[in-house]
Amino acid sequence: MDAVRPLDARIVRPHVAAQYVSRMLDALPVAERPAALEEHRAVIDPAAYEEAATAFYVYVLRRDDASHVGVVGEVRTAAFLDGRVRGHEAVQPDRVVGLVEHFTSAVVRSELVALLHEPSAEVATVLAETLRAEPLLRFTGPDGWEQAVWRVTDAASALLIRSLSEATHYIADGHHRVAASLAVWEQEGRPDDAVLMCAMYPLDGLRLLAFHRRVSGPVATDGVLGALSDFDVRPVSGSDGATGCFGLYVDGSWYDVAYPGARAPGVGGLDVTLMEDLALTPLLRSHASSRVETSPALAGVDELVRACDEDGGALFMLRPPTVEQLIEIADRGEVMPPKSTYFDPKPYAGIFLR
């Protein structure tokens, strides 16, 4: 049975697209998510969406010189368990529980899961031909991203079904939504026709960033540096000088922290794993301490540095793993710690409605 098939959903009307399209919940600051969940539970005005042909859709995000092109379709829920779609990051159970509650009470779904796959000449040809036509929808949405949607022809859809169904896909964004969807699927008896709405990109179709960790203060500088006995630590003039395992900012100073030991294969050898196991755990007795705040590298470090200066905290600045490491870990059946990767830009919610 094909893992991927055309999308059966409604599409937002062009004149209200800017009003109904929003950042996905995962892209919102934590403090804003409860209110956003309540908004998602509200009944969406049916007049804002129109019936659309069952088809694949090309979804393009553009801003400045950046352009990101994905194919939107349905991926069978079972494919997320049988290896055709592979995850690479652990989830936080409390967030999954909240999403299960949301999914079982919401009337509609409007968020996309972002997947990555090996580039395909066949898919690239379909995209190029589709983008020659006028889009169904084009508008400037949140964060200044121009968004546009094209419908793929029926003839080209057959090529996409074959090529995308044969590909191995990797979850880029949406591990928590996938986990919650699988939980709901189990509760409903694993219906054969269950699917997730997904935007499918080639491996280089999105930008991969890291999450930084900030330990709220006050912390003792000697205690932080003393927790790094497994690392080589040297002072540097700023964040740009941190080229080792991670950068450290504490008490107004930057340090480069390098790991001199042999690295384990897979997830055990990642910078984020070494940092959590050999730095945060000795410092806080748990890398999952409530004092640890995560922040995507998209926002930079200036605000995090200011927060450390204000409360005497410490910042652990990470670089992202490579896409090759992500694939290796997913293929090994391992998972990175939660909040290890941040793909940008995230698909926006509210364009398609099921």
Foldseek 3Di string as FASTA:
>chain_A
DFQWAFAFFWFFAQVCCQVQWFADLVPDDPVCNVVVLVVQQDDDDCVRTDGDDRFKKWKWKDDDHDIFIWIKTWGWLVCDVPQLEFEAADDDVVLLVVVLVSVVRHPKFFFAFEKAWADDPLVVVQVVVQVVDDFPHWDQYPPRIIMTMTGGDPVSRVSCSVVSRPIRIYTADDPSVSSSLVVVCVVVPNDRPDIGIYIYGYLPRWDKWAKKKKFFDADDPCLQVVLLPQWDKDWDDDLVVADALWWKDFPHTIIHTHGPDDADPAQRRHSVNCCQPRGVCSSPVHSPDPRIDIDICVVPCPVVNVSCVVGRIMMIGHGADDSVSSVVNRVVVHHHYPRTIDIPPGDITRRTMD
